[in-house]
Amino acid sequence: MRKRINLELRNRAPEEVTELVLDKYLCVSGETEGPNDTFKELEFLSMVNGALSSLAQPPSLNKLQKLALSDNVIFGDLEVLAEKCPNLTFLNLSGNKIKDLSTIEGGSARS
């Protein structure tokens, strides 16, 4: 994944990047292997169709507003997104194996 991120940086420092597209890159471990805490200005991140199964340890991305994670195999660990990405306004989780969205809603599921 590091090689792919370096390619997508296009000679920019991580702290200068506002958008990052890492679609169709297979996550070997199944866990988030994408950008780290040095991407302080990141507002949009796309990791579509990459065999990502867990969001258990995402980086702190305080400026992230849009996160596209569709067509992975994510099934849980969503509660950390509110803490690690406090400005998130758009989240695409379509095509994943999520059964319970109550963790995204702060623990109070609505009928």
PDB file of N, CA and C in Angstrom:
ATOM      1  N   MET A   1       0.814  -1.195   0.000  1.00  0.00           N
ATOM      2  CA  MET A   1       0.000   0.000   0.000  1.00  0.00           C
ATOM      3  C   MET A   1       0.863   1.266   0.000  1.00  0.00           C
ATOM      4  N   ARG A   2       1.998   1.220   0.676  1.00  0.00           N
ATOM      5  CA  ARG A   2       2.874   2.410   0.727  1.00  0.00           C
ATOM      6  C   ARG A   2       3.287   2.856  -0.673  1.00  0.00           C
ATOM      7  N   LYS A   3       3.592   1.903  -1.560  1.00  0.00           N
ATOM      8  CA  LYS A   3       3.975   2.257  -2.934  1.00  0.00           C
ATOM      9  C   LYS A   3       2.835   2.966  -3.643  1.00  0.00           C
ATOM     10  N   ARG A   4       1.619   2.456  -3.448  1.00  0.00           N
ATOM     11  CA  ARG A   4       0.450   3.069  -4.086  1.00  0.00           C
ATOM     12  C   ARG A   4       0.220   4.487  -3.562  1.00  0.00           C
ATOM     13  N   ILE A   5       0.363   4.686  -2.265  1.00  0.00           N
ATOM     14  CA  ILE A   5       0.186   6.016  -1.688  1.00  0.00           C
ATOM     15  C   ILE A   5       1.244   6.972  -2.231  1.00  0.00           C
ATOM     16  N   ASN A   6       2.492   6.524  -2.299  1.00  0.00           N
ATOM     17  CA  ASN A   6       3.557   7.370  -2.849  1.00  0.00           C
ATOM     18  C   ASN A   6       3.282   7.754  -4.290  1.00  0.00           C
ATOM     19  N   LEU A   7       2.737   6.831  -5.071  1.00  0.00           N
ATOM     20  CA  LEU A   7       2.377   7.126  -6.447  1.00  0.00           C
ATOM     21  C   LEU A   7       1.275   8.186  -6.508  1.00  0.00           C
ATOM     22  N   GLU A   8       0.267   8.038  -5.676  1.00  0.00           N
ATOM     23  CA  GLU A   8      -0.855   8.974  -5.656  1.00  0.00           C
ATOM     24  C   GLU A   8      -0.466  10.355  -5.123  1.00  0.00           C
ATOM     25  N   LEU A   9       0.589  10.444  -4.346  1.00  0.00           N
ATOM     26  CA  LEU A   9       1.027  11.742  -3.819  1.00  0.00           C
ATOM     27  C   LEU A   9       1.512  12.674  -4.928  1.00  0.00           C
ATOM     28  N   ARG A  10       2.035  12.098  -6.000  1.00  0.00           N
ATOM     29  CA  ARG A  10       2.526  12.880  -7.141  1.00  0.00           C
ATOM     30  C   ARG A  10       3.476  13.993  -6.699  1.00  0.00           C
ATOM     31  N   ASN A  11       4.509  13.594  -5.975  1.00  0.00           N
ATOM     32  CA  ASN A  11       5.566  14.493  -5.504  1.00  0.00           C
ATOM     33  C   ASN A  11       5.088  15.564  -4.523  1.00  0.00           C
ATOM     34  N   ARG A  12       3.957  15.342  -3.865  1.00  0.00           N
ATOM     35  CA  ARG A  12       3.482  16.260  -2.823  1.00  0.00           C
ATOM     36  C   ARG A  12       3.747  15.635  -1.463  1.00  0.00           C
ATOM     37  N   ALA A  13       3.904  16.463  -0.478  1.00  0.00           N
ATOM     38  CA  ALA A  13       4.051  15.977   0.899  1.00  0.00           C
ATOM     39  C   ALA A  13       2.674  15.540   1.405  1.00  0.00           C
ATOM     40  N   PRO A  14       2.598  14.521   2.240  1.00  0.00           N
ATOM     41  CA  PRO A  14       1.302  14.053   2.748  1.00  0.00           C
ATOM     42  C   PRO A  14       0.466  15.160   3.388  1.00  0.00           C
ATOM     43  N   GLU A  15       1.101  16.095   4.061  1.00  0.00           N
ATOM     44  CA  GLU A  15       0.353  17.163   4.725  1.00  0.00           C
ATOM     45  C   GLU A  15      -0.231  18.196   3.763  1.00  0.00           C
ATOM     46  N   GLU A  16       0.060  18.076   2.455  1.00  0.00           N
ATOM     47  CA  GLU A  16      -0.490  18.974   1.441  1.00  0.00           C
ATOM     48  C   GLU A  16      -1.682  18.368   0.699  1.00  0.00           C
ATOM     49  N   VAL A  17      -1.894  17.087   0.850  1.00  0.00           N
ATOM     50  CA  VAL A  17      -2.899  16.362   0.068  1.00  0.00           C
ATOM     51  C   VAL A  17      -4.293  16.555   0.669  1.00  0.00           C
ATOM     52  N   THR A  18      -5.256  16.922  -0.190  1.00  0.00           N
ATOM     53  CA  THR A  18      -6.639  17.070   0.265  1.00  0.00           C
ATOM     54  C   THR A  18      -7.531  15.943  -0.247  1.00  0.00           C
ATOM     55  N   GLU A  19      -7.131  15.277  -1.330  1.00  0.00           N
ATOM     56  CA  GLU A  19      -7.886  14.155  -1.896  1.00  0.00           C
ATOM     57  C   GLU A  19      -6.946  12.997  -2.182  1.00  0.00           C
ATOM     58  N   LEU A  20      -7.414  11.784  -1.873  1.00  0.00           N
ATOM     59  CA  LEU A  20      -6.598  10.597  -2.097  1.00  0.00           C
ATOM     60  C   LEU A  20      -7.503   9.450  -2.540  1.00  0.00           C
ATOM     61  N   VAL A  21      -7.193   8.878  -3.688  1.00  0.00           N
ATOM     62  CA  VAL A  21      -7.979   7.769  -4.231  1.00  0.00           C
ATOM     63  C   VAL A  21      -7.100   6.526  -4.271  1.00  0.00           C
ATOM     64  N   LEU A  22      -7.510   5.515  -3.497  1.00  0.00           N
ATOM     65  CA  LEU A  22      -6.775   4.255  -3.401  1.00  0.00           C
ATOM     66  C   LEU A  22      -7.678   3.092  -3.764  1.00  0.00           C
ATOM     67  N   ASP A  23      -8.525   3.284  -4.761  1.00  0.00           N
ATOM     68  CA  ASP A  23      -9.488   2.263  -5.176  1.00  0.00           C
ATOM     69  C   ASP A  23      -8.799   1.037  -5.756  1.00  0.00           C
ATOM     70  N   LYS A  24      -9.431  -0.098  -5.560  1.00  0.00           N
ATOM     71  CA  LYS A  24      -9.019  -1.388  -6.123  1.00  0.00           C
ATOM     72  C   LYS A  24      -7.638  -1.849  -5.677  1.00  0.00           C
ATOM     73  N   TYR A  25      -7.188  -1.369  -4.531  1.00  0.00           N
ATOM     74  CA  TYR A  25      -5.928  -1.864  -3.991  1.00  0.00           C
ATOM     75  C   TYR A  25      -6.253  -2.856  -2.899  1.00  0.00           C
ATOM     76  N   LEU A  26      -5.840  -4.086  -3.071  1.00  0.00           N
ATOM     77  CA  LEU A  26      -6.180  -5.136  -2.121  1.00  0.00           C
ATOM     78  C   LEU A  26      -5.431  -4.980  -0.812  1.00  0.00           C
ATOM     79  N   CYS A  27      -6.170  -4.864   0.264  1.00  0.00           N
ATOM     80  CA  CYS A  27      -5.586  -4.795   1.609  1.00  0.00           C
ATOM     81  C   CYS A  27      -5.244  -6.207   2.040  1.00  0.00           C
ATOM     82  N   VAL A  28      -3.981  -6.495   2.146  1.00  0.00           N
ATOM     83  CA  VAL A  28      -3.520  -7.838   2.459  1.00  0.00           C
ATOM     84  C   VAL A  28      -4.002  -8.294   3.830  1.00  0.00           C
ATOM     85  N   SER A  29      -3.896  -7.434   4.825  1.00  0.00           N
ATOM     86  CA  SER A  29      -4.278  -7.814   6.184  1.00  0.00           C
ATOM     87  C   SER A  29      -5.778  -7.667   6.421  1.00  0.00           C
ATOM     88  N   GLY A  30      -6.478  -6.966   5.533  1.00  0.00           N
ATOM     89  CA  GLY A  30      -7.895  -6.715   5.716  1.00  0.00           C
ATOM     90  C   GLY A  30      -8.168  -5.477   6.553  1.00  0.00           C
ATOM     91  N   GLU A  31      -7.127  -4.932   7.189  1.00  0.00           N
ATOM     92  CA  GLU A  31      -7.282  -3.742   8.007  1.00  0.00           C
ATOM     93  C   GLU A  31      -6.819  -2.511   7.237  1.00  0.00           C
ATOM     94  N   THR A  32      -7.180  -1.349   7.756  1.00  0.00           N
ATOM     95  CA  THR A  32      -6.823  -0.090   7.115  1.00  0.00           C
ATOM     96  C   THR A  32      -5.314   0.026   6.963  1.00  0.00           C
ATOM     97  N   GLU A  33      -4.865   0.101   5.725  1.00  0.00           N
ATOM     98  CA  GLU A  33      -3.449   0.261   5.424  1.00  0.00           C
ATOM     99  C   GLU A  33      -3.231   1.548   4.649  1.00  0.00           C
ATOM    100  N   GLY A  34      -4.202   2.408   4.681  1.00  0.00           N
ATOM    101  CA  GLY A  34      -4.165   3.623   3.894  1.00  0.00           C
ATOM    102  C   GLY A  34      -3.345   4.724   4.522  1.00  0.00           C
ATOM    103  N   PRO A  35      -3.797   5.942   4.369  1.00  0.00           N
ATOM    104  CA  PRO A  35      -3.037   7.077   4.879  1.00  0.00           C
ATOM    105  C   PRO A  35      -2.914   7.054   6.399  1.00  0.00           C
ATOM    106  N   ASN A  36      -1.893   7.737   6.900  1.00  0.00           N
ATOM    107  CA  ASN A  36      -1.686   7.800   8.352  1.00  0.00           C
ATOM    108  C   ASN A  36      -1.964   9.219   8.852  1.00  0.00           C
ATOM    109  N   ASP A  37      -1.599   9.486  10.079  1.00  0.00           N
ATOM    110  CA  ASP A  37      -1.893  10.775  10.711  1.00  0.00           C
ATOM    111  C   ASP A  37      -1.182  11.966  10.060  1.00  0.00           C
ATOM    112  N   THR A  38      -0.216  11.732   9.181  1.00  0.00           N
ATOM    113  CA  THR A  38       0.498  12.846   8.538  1.00  0.00           C
ATOM    114  C   THR A  38      -0.351  13.533   7.465  1.00  0.00           C
ATOM    115  N   PHE A  39      -1.454  12.925   7.067  1.00  0.00           N
ATOM    116  CA  PHE A  39      -2.345  13.502   6.060  1.00  0.00           C
ATOM    117  C   PHE A  39      -3.313  14.468   6.744  1.00  0.00           C
ATOM    118  N   LYS A  40      -2.798  15.532   7.307  1.00  0.00           N
ATOM    119  CA  LYS A  40      -3.566  16.449   8.149  1.00  0.00           C
ATOM    120  C   LYS A  40      -4.604  17.267   7.388  1.00  0.00           C
ATOM    121  N   GLU A  41      -4.445  17.444   6.084  1.00  0.00           N
ATOM    122  CA  GLU A  41      -5.368  18.261   5.285  1.00  0.00           C
ATOM    123  C   GLU A  41      -6.337  17.419   4.460  1.00  0.00           C
ATOM    124  N   LEU A  42      -6.304  16.102   4.598  1.00  0.00           N
ATOM    125  CA  LEU A  42      -7.118  15.205   3.789  1.00  0.00           C
ATOM    126  C   LEU A  42      -8.604  15.440   4.044  1.00  0.00           C
ATOM    127  N   GLU A  43      -9.352  15.743   2.972  1.00  0.00           N
ATOM    128  CA  GLU A  43     -10.789  15.988   3.050  1.00  0.00           C
ATOM    129  C   GLU A  43     -11.600  14.891   2.371  1.00  0.00           C
ATOM    130  N   PHE A  44     -11.002  14.199   1.406  1.00  0.00           N
ATOM    131  CA  PHE A  44     -11.686  13.133   0.661  1.00  0.00           C
ATOM    132  C   PHE A  44     -10.770  11.932   0.548  1.00  0.00           C
ATOM    133  N   LEU A  45     -11.284  10.754   0.919  1.00  0.00           N
ATOM    134  CA  LEU A  45     -10.529   9.509   0.812  1.00  0.00           C
ATOM    135  C   LEU A  45     -11.424   8.448   0.205  1.00  0.00           C
ATOM    136  N   SER A  46     -10.933   7.794  -0.821  1.00  0.00           N
ATOM    137  CA  SER A  46     -11.672   6.704  -1.454  1.00  0.00           C
ATOM    138  C   SER A  46     -10.822   5.443  -1.424  1.00  0.00           C
ATOM    139  N   MET A  47     -11.401   4.396  -0.818  1.00  0.00           N
ATOM    140  CA  MET A  47     -10.761   3.079  -0.771  1.00  0.00           C
ATOM    141  C   MET A  47     -11.810   2.047  -1.177  1.00  0.00           C
ATOM    142  N   VAL A  48     -12.300   2.173  -2.389  1.00  0.00           N
ATOM    143  CA  VAL A  48     -13.361   1.331  -2.923  1.00  0.00           C
ATOM    144  C   VAL A  48     -12.786   0.026  -3.469  1.00  0.00           C
ATOM    145  N   ASN A  49     -13.506  -1.080  -3.221  1.00  0.00           N
ATOM    146  CA  ASN A  49     -13.186  -2.373  -3.808  1.00  0.00           C
ATOM    147  C   ASN A  49     -11.753  -2.816  -3.503  1.00  0.00           C
ATOM    148  N   GLY A  50     -11.422  -2.895  -2.207  1.00  0.00           N
ATOM    149  CA  GLY A  50     -10.060  -3.247  -1.853  1.00  0.00           C
ATOM    150  C   GLY A  50      -9.931  -4.377  -0.848  1.00  0.00           C
ATOM    151  N   ALA A  51     -10.976  -5.135  -0.601  1.00  0.00           N
ATOM    152  CA  ALA A  51     -10.955  -6.251   0.350  1.00  0.00           C
ATOM    153  C   ALA A  51     -10.716  -5.792   1.786  1.00  0.00           C
ATOM    154  N   LEU A  52     -11.083  -4.559   2.092  1.00  0.00           N
ATOM    155  CA  LEU A  52     -10.955  -4.021   3.437  1.00  0.00           C
ATOM    156  C   LEU A  52     -12.053  -4.612   4.305  1.00  0.00           C
ATOM    157  N   SER A  53     -11.680  -5.223   5.429  1.00  0.00           N
ATOM    158  CA  SER A  53     -12.685  -5.871   6.278  1.00  0.00           C
ATOM    159  C   SER A  53     -12.861  -5.197   7.629  1.00  0.00           C
ATOM    160  N   SER A  54     -11.930  -4.336   8.021  1.00  0.00           N
ATOM    161  CA  SER A  54     -12.006  -3.744   9.351  1.00  0.00           C
ATOM    162  C   SER A  54     -11.544  -2.293   9.338  1.00  0.00           C
ATOM    163  N   LEU A  55     -12.172  -1.511  10.194  1.00  0.00           N
ATOM    164  CA  LEU A  55     -11.757  -0.129  10.408  1.00  0.00           C
ATOM    165  C   LEU A  55     -11.294   0.051  11.848  1.00  0.00           C
ATOM    166  N   ALA A  56     -10.802  -0.996  12.442  1.00  0.00           N
ATOM    167  CA  ALA A  56     -10.491  -1.016  13.867  1.00  0.00           C
ATOM    168  C   ALA A  56      -9.455   0.026  14.278  1.00  0.00           C
ATOM    169  N   GLN A  57      -8.502   0.347  13.426  1.00  0.00           N
ATOM    170  CA  GLN A  57      -7.450   1.285  13.801  1.00  0.00           C
ATOM    171  C   GLN A  57      -7.199   2.323  12.712  1.00  0.00           C
ATOM    172  N   PRO A  58      -8.204   3.139  12.391  1.00  0.00           N
ATOM    173  CA  PRO A  58      -7.969   4.161  11.365  1.00  0.00           C
ATOM    174  C   PRO A  58      -7.129   5.304  11.924  1.00  0.00           C
ATOM    175  N   PRO A  59      -6.460   6.051  11.058  1.00  0.00           N
ATOM    176  CA  PRO A  59      -5.697   7.206  11.534  1.00  0.00           C
ATOM    177  C   PRO A  59      -6.646   8.338  11.936  1.00  0.00           C
ATOM    178  N   SER A  60      -6.144   9.295  12.677  1.00  0.00           N
ATOM    179  CA  SER A  60      -6.918  10.489  12.999  1.00  0.00           C
ATOM    180  C   SER A  60      -6.858  11.422  11.801  1.00  0.00           C
ATOM    181  N   LEU A  61      -7.992  11.628  11.176  1.00  0.00           N
ATOM    182  CA  LEU A  61      -8.090  12.505  10.005  1.00  0.00           C
ATOM    183  C   LEU A  61      -9.131  13.571  10.315  1.00  0.00           C
ATOM    184  N   ASN A  62      -8.722  14.590  11.039  1.00  0.00           N
ATOM    185  CA  ASN A  62      -9.642  15.593  11.556  1.00  0.00           C
ATOM    186  C   ASN A  62     -10.367  16.405  10.492  1.00  0.00           C
ATOM    187  N   LYS A  63      -9.780  16.559   9.312  1.00  0.00           N
ATOM    188  CA  LYS A  63     -10.416  17.361   8.259  1.00  0.00           C
ATOM    189  C   LYS A  63     -11.186  16.511   7.248  1.00  0.00           C
ATOM    190  N   LEU A  64     -11.154  15.200   7.413  1.00  0.00           N
ATOM    191  CA  LEU A  64     -11.825  14.326   6.456  1.00  0.00           C
ATOM    192  C   LEU A  64     -13.334  14.569   6.479  1.00  0.00           C
ATOM    193  N   GLN A  65     -13.897  14.850   5.302  1.00  0.00           N
ATOM    194  CA  GLN A  65     -15.325  15.106   5.175  1.00  0.00           C
ATOM    195  C   GLN A  65     -16.033  14.001   4.408  1.00  0.00           C
ATOM    196  N   LYS A  66     -15.347  13.417   3.426  1.00  0.00           N
ATOM    197  CA  LYS A  66     -15.956  12.387   2.584  1.00  0.00           C
ATOM    198  C   LYS A  66     -15.092  11.133   2.596  1.00  0.00           C
ATOM    199  N   LEU A  67     -15.744   9.994   2.852  1.00  0.00           N
ATOM    200  CA  LEU A  67     -15.051   8.713   2.904  1.00  0.00           C
ATOM    201  C   LEU A  67     -15.837   7.691   2.097  1.00  0.00           C
ATOM    202  N   ALA A  68     -15.225   7.155   1.058  1.00  0.00           N
ATOM    203  CA  ALA A  68     -15.862   6.158   0.197  1.00  0.00           C
ATOM    204  C   ALA A  68     -15.208   4.807   0.438  1.00  0.00           C
ATOM    205  N   LEU A  69     -15.990   3.878   0.982  1.00  0.00           N
ATOM    206  CA  LEU A  69     -15.499   2.532   1.300  1.00  0.00           C
ATOM    207  C   LEU A  69     -16.394   1.451   0.700  1.00  0.00           C
ATOM    208  N   SER A  70     -17.065   1.749  -0.375  1.00  0.00           N
ATOM    209  CA  SER A  70     -18.003   0.792  -0.955  1.00  0.00           C
ATOM    210  C   SER A  70     -17.288  -0.423  -1.543  1.00  0.00           C
ATOM    211  N   ASP A  71     -18.041  -1.513  -1.623  1.00  0.00           N
ATOM    212  CA  ASP A  71     -17.584  -2.763  -2.243  1.00  0.00           C
ATOM    213  C   ASP A  71     -16.314  -3.338  -1.601  1.00  0.00           C
ATOM    214  N   ASN A  72     -16.277  -3.307  -0.285  1.00  0.00           N
ATOM    215  CA  ASN A  72     -15.255  -3.990   0.489  1.00  0.00           C
ATOM    216  C   ASN A  72     -15.965  -5.117   1.239  1.00  0.00           C
ATOM    217  N   VAL A  73     -15.373  -5.641   2.270  1.00  0.00           N
ATOM    218  CA  VAL A  73     -16.012  -6.687   3.081  1.00  0.00           C
ATOM    219  C   VAL A  73     -16.083  -6.259   4.550  1.00  0.00           C
ATOM    220  N   ILE A  74     -16.310  -4.971   4.760  1.00  0.00           N
ATOM    221  CA  ILE A  74     -16.388  -4.408   6.108  1.00  0.00           C
ATOM    222  C   ILE A  74     -17.630  -4.956   6.803  1.00  0.00           C
ATOM    223  N   PHE A  75     -17.474  -5.381   8.045  1.00  0.00           N
ATOM    224  CA  PHE A  75     -18.614  -5.922   8.784  1.00  0.00           C
ATOM    225  C   PHE A  75     -18.804  -5.267  10.138  1.00  0.00           C
ATOM    226  N   GLY A  76     -17.891  -4.421  10.575  1.00  0.00           N
ATOM    227  CA  GLY A  76     -18.039  -3.776  11.876  1.00  0.00           C
ATOM    228  C   GLY A  76     -16.937  -2.784  12.152  1.00  0.00           C
ATOM    229  N   ASP A  77     -16.733  -2.471  13.432  1.00  0.00           N
ATOM    230  CA  ASP A  77     -15.710  -1.528  13.889  1.00  0.00           C
ATOM    231  C   ASP A  77     -15.960  -0.104  13.389  1.00  0.00           C
ATOM    232  N   LEU A  78     -17.222   0.257  13.207  1.00  0.00           N
ATOM    233  CA  LEU A  78     -17.543   1.562  12.652  1.00  0.00           C
ATOM    234  C   LEU A  78     -17.551   2.683  13.685  1.00  0.00           C
ATOM    235  N   GLU A  79     -17.661   2.324  14.957  1.00  0.00           N
ATOM    236  CA  GLU A  79     -17.770   3.329  16.005  1.00  0.00           C
ATOM    237  C   GLU A  79     -16.545   4.240  16.095  1.00  0.00           C
ATOM    238  N   VAL A  80     -15.398   3.801  15.640  1.00  0.00           N
ATOM    239  CA  VAL A  80     -14.181   4.608  15.721  1.00  0.00           C
ATOM    240  C   VAL A  80     -14.181   5.776  14.737  1.00  0.00           C
ATOM    241  N   LEU A  81     -15.023   5.707  13.717  1.00  0.00           N
ATOM    242  CA  LEU A  81     -15.044   6.777  12.721  1.00  0.00           C
ATOM    243  C   LEU A  81     -15.432   8.120  13.328  1.00  0.00           C
ATOM    244  N   ALA A  82     -16.393   8.129  14.238  1.00  0.00           N
ATOM    245  CA  ALA A  82     -16.831   9.381  14.857  1.00  0.00           C
ATOM    246  C   ALA A  82     -15.698  10.033  15.648  1.00  0.00           C
ATOM    247  N   GLU A  83     -14.893   9.218  16.279  1.00  0.00           N
ATOM    248  CA  GLU A  83     -13.779   9.732  17.078  1.00  0.00           C
ATOM    249  C   GLU A  83     -12.612  10.173  16.201  1.00  0.00           C
ATOM    250  N   LYS A  84     -12.251   9.357  15.224  1.00  0.00           N
ATOM    251  CA  LYS A  84     -11.063   9.608  14.408  1.00  0.00           C
ATOM    252  C   LYS A  84     -11.313  10.580  13.257  1.00  0.00           C
ATOM    253  N   CYS A  85     -12.568  10.704  12.828  1.00  0.00           N
ATOM    254  CA  CYS A  85     -12.924  11.575  11.708  1.00  0.00           C
ATOM    255  C   CYS A  85     -14.119  12.440  12.113  1.00  0.00           C
ATOM    256  N   PRO A  86     -13.923  13.404  13.009  1.00  0.00           N
ATOM    257  CA  PRO A  86     -15.039  14.159  13.579  1.00  0.00           C
ATOM    258  C   PRO A  86     -15.799  15.044  12.595  1.00  0.00           C
ATOM    259  N   ASN A  87     -15.223  15.375  11.448  1.00  0.00           N
ATOM    260  CA  ASN A  87     -15.889  16.240  10.472  1.00  0.00           C
ATOM    261  C   ASN A  87     -16.476  15.475   9.292  1.00  0.00           C
ATOM    262  N   LEU A  88     -16.578  14.172   9.422  1.00  0.00           N
ATOM    263  CA  LEU A  88     -17.105  13.330   8.355  1.00  0.00           C
ATOM    264  C   LEU A  88     -18.582  13.632   8.115  1.00  0.00           C
ATOM    265  N   THR A  89     -18.925  14.007   6.875  1.00  0.00           N
ATOM    266  CA  THR A  89     -20.316  14.304   6.528  1.00  0.00           C
ATOM    267  C   THR A  89     -20.862  13.353   5.475  1.00  0.00           C
ATOM    268  N   PHE A  90     -19.993  12.638   4.776  1.00  0.00           N
ATOM    269  CA  PHE A  90     -20.409  11.694   3.736  1.00  0.00           C
ATOM    270  C   PHE A  90     -19.649  10.394   3.931  1.00  0.00           C
ATOM    271  N   LEU A  91     -20.391   9.298   4.024  1.00  0.00           N
ATOM    272  CA  LEU A  91     -19.790   7.980   4.203  1.00  0.00           C
ATOM    273  C   LEU A  91     -20.507   6.995   3.302  1.00  0.00           C
ATOM    274  N   ASN A  92     -19.787   6.383   2.372  1.00  0.00           N
ATOM    275  CA  ASN A  92     -20.377   5.393   1.474  1.00  0.00           C
ATOM    276  C   ASN A  92     -19.871   4.014   1.888  1.00  0.00           C
ATOM    277  N   LEU A  93     -20.779   3.204   2.408  1.00  0.00           N
ATOM    278  CA  LEU A  93     -20.466   1.841   2.833  1.00  0.00           C
ATOM    279  C   LEU A  93     -21.242   0.809   2.025  1.00  0.00           C
ATOM    280  N   SER A  94     -21.803   1.201   0.902  1.00  0.00           N
ATOM    281  CA  SER A  94     -22.604   0.272   0.112  1.00  0.00           C
ATOM    282  C   SER A  94     -21.766  -0.907  -0.360  1.00  0.00           C
ATOM    283  N   GLY A  95     -22.393  -2.060  -0.453  1.00  0.00           N
ATOM    284  CA  GLY A  95     -21.712  -3.258  -0.923  1.00  0.00           C
ATOM    285  C   GLY A  95     -20.804  -3.903   0.100  1.00  0.00           C
ATOM    286  N   ASN A  96     -21.017  -3.618   1.387  1.00  0.00           N
ATOM    287  CA  ASN A  96     -20.241  -4.236   2.458  1.00  0.00           C
ATOM    288  C   ASN A  96     -21.118  -5.231   3.207  1.00  0.00           C
ATOM    289  N   LYS A  97     -20.593  -5.843   4.240  1.00  0.00           N
ATOM    290  CA  LYS A  97     -21.315  -6.883   4.984  1.00  0.00           C
ATOM    291  C   LYS A  97     -21.812  -6.386   6.335  1.00  0.00           C
ATOM    292  N   ILE A  98     -22.153  -5.123   6.412  1.00  0.00           N
ATOM    293  CA  ILE A  98     -22.597  -4.513   7.664  1.00  0.00           C
ATOM    294  C   ILE A  98     -24.029  -4.925   7.958  1.00  0.00           C
ATOM    295  N   LYS A  99     -24.248  -5.422   9.169  1.00  0.00           N
ATOM    296  CA  LYS A  99     -25.581  -5.868   9.564  1.00  0.00           C
ATOM    297  C   LYS A  99     -26.248  -4.896  10.522  1.00  0.00           C
ATOM    298  N   ASP A 100     -25.477  -4.126  11.274  1.00  0.00           N
ATOM    299  CA  ASP A 100     -26.028  -3.258  12.306  1.00  0.00           C
ATOM    300  C   ASP A 100     -25.409  -1.873  12.199  1.00  0.00           C
ATOM    301  N   LEU A 101     -26.223  -0.874  11.893  1.00  0.00           N
ATOM    302  CA  LEU A 101     -25.733   0.492  11.761  1.00  0.00           C
ATOM    303  C   LEU A 101     -25.839   1.286  13.052  1.00  0.00           C
ATOM    304  N   SER A 102     -26.243   0.662  14.134  1.00  0.00           N
ATOM    305  CA  SER A 102     -26.431   1.400  15.381  1.00  0.00           C
ATOM    306  C   SER A 102     -25.128   1.999  15.899  1.00  0.00           C
ATOM    307  N   THR A 103     -24.003   1.410  15.568  1.00  0.00           N
ATOM    308  CA  THR A 103     -22.735   1.957  16.042  1.00  0.00           C
ATOM    309  C   THR A 103     -22.427   3.288  15.371  1.00  0.00           C
ATOM    310  N   ILE A 104     -22.889   3.484  14.164  1.00  0.00           N
ATOM    311  CA  ILE A 104     -22.693   4.751  13.474  1.00  0.00           C
ATOM    312  C   ILE A 104     -23.592   5.821  14.073  1.00  0.00           C
ATOM    313  N   GLU A 105     -24.754   5.423  14.533  1.00  0.00           N
ATOM    314  CA  GLU A 105     -25.727   6.360  15.074  1.00  0.00           C
ATOM    315  C   GLU A 105     -25.463   6.681  16.536  1.00  0.00           C
ATOM    316  N   GLY A 106     -24.295   6.394  17.017  1.00  0.00           N
ATOM    317  CA  GLY A 106     -23.964   6.683  18.402  1.00  0.00           C
ATOM    318  C   GLY A 106     -24.568   5.720  19.375  1.00  0.00           C
ATOM    319  N   GLY A 107     -24.891   4.513  18.900  1.00  0.00           N
ATOM    320  CA  GLY A 107     -25.389   3.486  19.791  1.00  0.00           C
ATOM    321  C   GLY A 107     -26.894   3.448  19.946  1.00  0.00           C
ATOM    322  N   SER A 108     -27.618   4.364  19.314  1.00  0.00           N
ATOM    323  CA  SER A 108     -29.072   4.356  19.452  1.00  0.00           C
ATOM    324  C   SER A 108     -29.719   4.100  18.089  1.00  0.00           C
ATOM    325  N   ALA A 109     -30.032   2.883  17.823  1.00  0.00           N
ATOM    326  CA  ALA A 109     -30.638   2.515  16.536  1.00  0.00           C
ATOM    327  C   ALA A 109     -32.055   3.044  16.470  1.00  0.00           C
ATOM    328  N   ARG A 110     -32.426   3.527  15.294  1.00  0.00           N
ATOM    329  CA  ARG A 110     -33.797   4.009  15.087  1.00  0.00           C
ATOM    330  C   ARG A 110     -34.546   3.040  14.206  1.00  0.00           C
ATOM    331  N   SER A 111     -35.807   2.868  14.475  1.00  0.00           N
ATOM    332  CA  SER A 111     -36.633   1.949  13.685  1.00  0.00           C
ATOM    333  C   SER A 111     -37.330   2.699  12.584  1.00  0.00           C
TER     334      SER A 111
END
